[in-house]
Amino acid sequence: MSSRGLRFLSFAVVVALTGLLGPAQTEASYYGQIDAFVVRQQISKDLPKINRCYESALRYEPELAGKVSVRFAVVRTGYVKGVQVLENTTGNDTVERCVSRVVSAIRFPRHRSGKSLRFTFPFVFAPQDVR
């Protein structure tokens, strides 16, 4: 509880998901490629961890809000490589590093394509006031 008696809950809103290699990588395929739905599904499993990144910082900055957009590649084995933070409007480096670390640890299904599949995923954070 904060000093005003309000409890702050956080939430990460997944705003959009963009496949950066073109339409073949964002649509379901018979060739074992990962589609955008699978990426959203895998990331949604780790949203509680992403939320904890934000909630930890929210304790020290009750008005903290903003967006952290990450770009990453999923290699054939399903591992995430090359996580880059493209935008951090929260201004909080701890949230940025934590989100990057969580995304780096996500595992996706293996795919047959020899190429890495690139995605951009924005997380939007805002305190939610619950009485």
C-alpha atoms as a PDB file:
ATOM      1  CA  MET A   1       0.000   0.000   0.000  1.00  0.00           C
ATOM      2  CA  SER A   2       1.242   3.473  -0.775  1.00  0.00           C
ATOM      3  CA  SER A   3       1.002   6.330   1.694  1.00  0.00           C
ATOM      4  CA  ARG A   4      -2.274   7.424   0.068  1.00  0.00           C
ATOM      5  CA  GLY A   5      -3.775   3.995   0.682  1.00  0.00           C
ATOM      6  CA  LEU A   6      -3.794   3.126  -3.002  1.00  0.00           C
ATOM      7  CA  ARG A   7      -2.380  -0.072  -4.270  1.00  0.00           C
ATOM      8  CA  PHE A   8      -0.480   0.186  -7.538  1.00  0.00           C
ATOM      9  CA  LEU A   9      -0.630  -2.734  -9.896  1.00  0.00           C
ATOM     10  CA  SER A  10       1.299  -2.798 -13.079  1.00  0.00           C
ATOM     11  CA  PHE A  11       0.539  -4.295 -16.386  1.00  0.00           C
ATOM     12  CA  ALA A  12       2.472  -4.753 -19.567  1.00  0.00           C
ATOM     13  CA  VAL A  13       0.378  -4.135 -22.617  1.00  0.00           C
ATOM     14  CA  VAL A  14       1.607  -5.866 -25.682  1.00  0.00           C
ATOM     15  CA  VAL A  15       0.891  -3.224 -28.263  1.00  0.00           C
ATOM     16  CA  ALA A  16       2.078  -4.819 -31.469  1.00  0.00           C
ATOM     17  CA  LEU A  17       4.301  -7.432 -32.931  1.00  0.00           C
ATOM     18  CA  THR A  18       6.056  -6.876 -36.205  1.00  0.00           C
ATOM     19  CA  GLY A  19       7.942  -9.499 -38.156  1.00  0.00           C
ATOM     20  CA  LEU A  20      10.874  -7.716 -39.683  1.00  0.00           C
ATOM     21  CA  LEU A  21      11.675 -10.219 -42.416  1.00  0.00           C
ATOM     22  CA  GLY A  22       8.449  -9.867 -44.378  1.00  0.00           C
ATOM     23  CA  PRO A  23       5.081 -11.579 -44.565  1.00  0.00           C
ATOM     24  CA  ALA A  24       6.406 -15.131 -44.794  1.00  0.00           C
ATOM     25  CA  GLN A  25       7.745 -14.879 -41.253  1.00  0.00           C
ATOM     26  CA  THR A  26       4.583 -13.415 -39.751  1.00  0.00           C
ATOM     27  CA  GLU A  27       2.113 -15.929 -41.137  1.00  0.00           C
ATOM     28  CA  ALA A  28       1.703 -19.581 -40.233  1.00  0.00           C
ATOM     29  CA  SER A  29       3.595 -21.795 -42.606  1.00  0.00           C
ATOM     30  CA  TYR A  30       4.010 -25.470 -43.394  1.00  0.00           C
ATOM     31  CA  TYR A  31       7.776 -25.047 -43.527  1.00  0.00           C
ATOM     32  CA  GLY A  32       8.297 -24.809 -39.783  1.00  0.00           C
ATOM     33  CA  GLN A  33       8.674 -21.064 -39.570  1.00  0.00           C
ATOM     34  CA  ILE A  34       7.576 -19.304 -36.403  1.00  0.00           C
ATOM     35  CA  ASP A  35       4.579 -17.055 -36.916  1.00  0.00           C
ATOM     36  CA  ALA A  36       3.682 -13.909 -34.978  1.00  0.00           C
ATOM     37  CA  PHE A  37       0.988 -15.741 -33.000  1.00  0.00           C
ATOM     38  CA  VAL A  38       3.545 -18.210 -31.615  1.00  0.00           C
ATOM     39  CA  VAL A  39       5.860 -15.346 -30.656  1.00  0.00           C
ATOM     40  CA  ARG A  40       3.047 -13.510 -28.852  1.00  0.00           C
ATOM     41  CA  GLN A  41       2.041 -16.730 -27.122  1.00  0.00           C
ATOM     42  CA  GLN A  42       5.561 -17.476 -25.887  1.00  0.00           C
ATOM     43  CA  ILE A  43       6.092 -13.908 -24.693  1.00  0.00           C
ATOM     44  CA  SER A  44       2.724 -13.871 -22.930  1.00  0.00           C
ATOM     45  CA  LYS A  45       3.919 -16.831 -20.841  1.00  0.00           C
ATOM     46  CA  ASP A  46       6.725 -14.616 -19.543  1.00  0.00           C
ATOM     47  CA  LEU A  47       4.631 -11.461 -19.012  1.00  0.00           C
ATOM     48  CA  PRO A  48       4.637 -12.001 -15.227  1.00  0.00           C
ATOM     49  CA  LYS A  49       8.445 -11.751 -15.317  1.00  0.00           C
ATOM     50  CA  ILE A  50       8.242  -8.646 -17.502  1.00  0.00           C
ATOM     51  CA  ASN A  51       5.721  -7.152 -15.078  1.00  0.00           C
ATOM     52  CA  ARG A  52       8.069  -7.827 -12.163  1.00  0.00           C
ATOM     53  CA  CYS A  53      10.720  -5.741 -13.940  1.00  0.00           C
ATOM     54  CA  TYR A  54       8.324  -2.822 -13.931  1.00  0.00           C
ATOM     55  CA  GLU A  55       6.824  -3.442 -10.477  1.00  0.00           C
ATOM     56  CA  SER A  56      10.265  -3.446  -8.868  1.00  0.00           C
ATOM     57  CA  ALA A  57      11.018  -0.001 -10.281  1.00  0.00           C
ATOM     58  CA  LEU A  58       7.496   1.246  -9.547  1.00  0.00           C
ATOM     59  CA  ARG A  59       8.151   0.929  -5.805  1.00  0.00           C
ATOM     60  CA  TYR A  60      10.787   3.664  -6.088  1.00  0.00           C
ATOM     61  CA  GLU A  61       9.111   5.702  -8.830  1.00  0.00           C
ATOM     62  CA  PRO A  62       5.309   5.509  -8.308  1.00  0.00           C
ATOM     63  CA  GLU A  63       4.617   7.569 -11.441  1.00  0.00           C
ATOM     64  CA  LEU A  64       6.860   5.472 -13.699  1.00  0.00           C
ATOM     65  CA  ALA A  65       5.277   4.757 -17.077  1.00  0.00           C
ATOM     66  CA  GLY A  66       6.344   4.337 -20.672  1.00  0.00           C
ATOM     67  CA  LYS A  67       7.328   1.888 -23.361  1.00  0.00           C
ATOM     68  CA  VAL A  68      10.266  -0.478 -23.803  1.00  0.00           C
ATOM     69  CA  SER A  69      10.546  -1.789 -27.376  1.00  0.00           C
ATOM     70  CA  VAL A  70      12.890  -4.683 -28.021  1.00  0.00           C
ATOM     71  CA  ARG A  71      14.120  -6.233 -31.248  1.00  0.00           C
ATOM     72  CA  PHE A  72      15.402  -9.787 -31.210  1.00  0.00           C
ATOM     73  CA  ALA A  73      16.172 -12.720 -33.449  1.00  0.00           C
ATOM     74  CA  VAL A  74      14.979 -16.283 -32.976  1.00  0.00           C
ATOM     75  CA  VAL A  75      17.548 -18.726 -34.346  1.00  0.00           C
ATOM     76  CA  ARG A  76      16.762 -22.182 -35.739  1.00  0.00           C
ATOM     77  CA  THR A  77      17.207 -23.836 -32.338  1.00  0.00           C
ATOM     78  CA  GLY A  78      14.557 -21.571 -30.781  1.00  0.00           C
ATOM     79  CA  TYR A  79      17.016 -19.505 -28.768  1.00  0.00           C
ATOM     80  CA  VAL A  80      16.825 -15.709 -28.714  1.00  0.00           C
ATOM     81  CA  LYS A  81      19.893 -13.827 -29.932  1.00  0.00           C
ATOM     82  CA  GLY A  82      20.796 -10.198 -30.446  1.00  0.00           C
ATOM     83  CA  VAL A  83      18.295  -8.508 -28.139  1.00  0.00           C
ATOM     84  CA  GLN A  84      18.354  -4.743 -28.710  1.00  0.00           C
ATOM     85  CA  VAL A  85      16.321  -2.135 -26.902  1.00  0.00           C
ATOM     86  CA  LEU A  86      15.084   0.193 -29.642  1.00  0.00           C
ATOM     87  CA  GLU A  87      13.165   2.553 -27.398  1.00  0.00           C
ATOM     88  CA  ASN A  88      12.844   3.154 -23.680  1.00  0.00           C
ATOM     89  CA  THR A  89      10.463   5.971 -22.832  1.00  0.00           C
ATOM     90  CA  THR A  90      10.341   4.975 -19.147  1.00  0.00           C
ATOM     91  CA  GLY A  91      13.759   6.557 -18.672  1.00  0.00           C
ATOM     92  CA  ASN A  92      14.574   3.745 -16.244  1.00  0.00           C
ATOM     93  CA  ASP A  93      17.688   1.755 -17.153  1.00  0.00           C
ATOM     94  CA  THR A  94      16.894  -0.990 -14.633  1.00  0.00           C
ATOM     95  CA  VAL A  95      13.550  -1.732 -16.312  1.00  0.00           C
ATOM     96  CA  GLU A  96      15.263  -1.713 -19.716  1.00  0.00           C
ATOM     97  CA  ARG A  97      17.974  -4.185 -18.648  1.00  0.00           C
ATOM     98  CA  CYS A  98      15.486  -6.451 -16.893  1.00  0.00           C
ATOM     99  CA  VAL A  99      13.097  -6.603 -19.878  1.00  0.00           C
ATOM    100  CA  SER A 100      16.048  -7.332 -22.163  1.00  0.00           C
ATOM    101  CA  ARG A 101      17.244 -10.135 -19.856  1.00  0.00           C
ATOM    102  CA  VAL A 102      13.772 -11.745 -19.682  1.00  0.00           C
ATOM    103  CA  VAL A 103      13.327 -11.618 -23.475  1.00  0.00           C
ATOM    104  CA  SER A 104      16.804 -13.129 -23.935  1.00  0.00           C
ATOM    105  CA  ALA A 105      15.778 -16.139 -21.846  1.00  0.00           C
ATOM    106  CA  ILE A 106      12.558 -16.953 -23.752  1.00  0.00           C
ATOM    107  CA  ARG A 107      12.679 -20.203 -25.734  1.00  0.00           C
ATOM    108  CA  PHE A 108      10.702 -20.675 -28.910  1.00  0.00           C
ATOM    109  CA  PRO A 109       9.915 -23.828 -30.891  1.00  0.00           C
ATOM    110  CA  ARG A 110      12.649 -24.962 -33.266  1.00  0.00           C
ATOM    111  CA  HIS A 111      12.072 -24.051 -36.894  1.00  0.00           C
ATOM    112  CA  ARG A 112      13.396 -25.555 -40.102  1.00  0.00           C
ATOM    113  CA  SER A 113      14.393 -22.316 -41.774  1.00  0.00           C
ATOM    114  CA  GLY A 114      18.140 -21.740 -41.677  1.00  0.00           C
ATOM    115  CA  LYS A 115      17.636 -18.013 -41.199  1.00  0.00           C
ATOM    116  CA  SER A 116      17.118 -16.172 -37.959  1.00  0.00           C
ATOM    117  CA  LEU A 117      13.654 -14.686 -37.679  1.00  0.00           C
ATOM    118  CA  ARG A 118      13.593 -11.085 -36.434  1.00  0.00           C
ATOM    119  CA  PHE A 119      10.812  -9.543 -34.375  1.00  0.00           C
ATOM    120  CA  THR A 120      10.111  -6.254 -32.626  1.00  0.00           C
ATOM    121  CA  PHE A 121       8.007  -6.314 -29.501  1.00  0.00           C
ATOM    122  CA  PRO A 122       6.933  -3.207 -27.541  1.00  0.00           C
ATOM    123  CA  PHE A 123       5.886  -3.387 -23.894  1.00  0.00           C
ATOM    124  CA  VAL A 124       3.858  -0.454 -22.559  1.00  0.00           C
ATOM    125  CA  PHE A 125       3.856   0.086 -18.802  1.00  0.00           C
ATOM    126  CA  ALA A 126       1.535   2.220 -16.692  1.00  0.00           C
ATOM    127  CA  PRO A 127       0.611   2.153 -13.007  1.00  0.00           C
ATOM    128  CA  GLN A 128      -2.915   1.015 -12.410  1.00  0.00           C
ATOM    129  CA  ASP A 129      -4.624   2.537  -9.416  1.00  0.00           C
ATOM    130  CA  VAL A 130      -6.770  -0.006  -7.535  1.00  0.00           C
ATOM    131  CA  ARG A 131      -8.738   0.896  -4.400  1.00  0.00           C
END
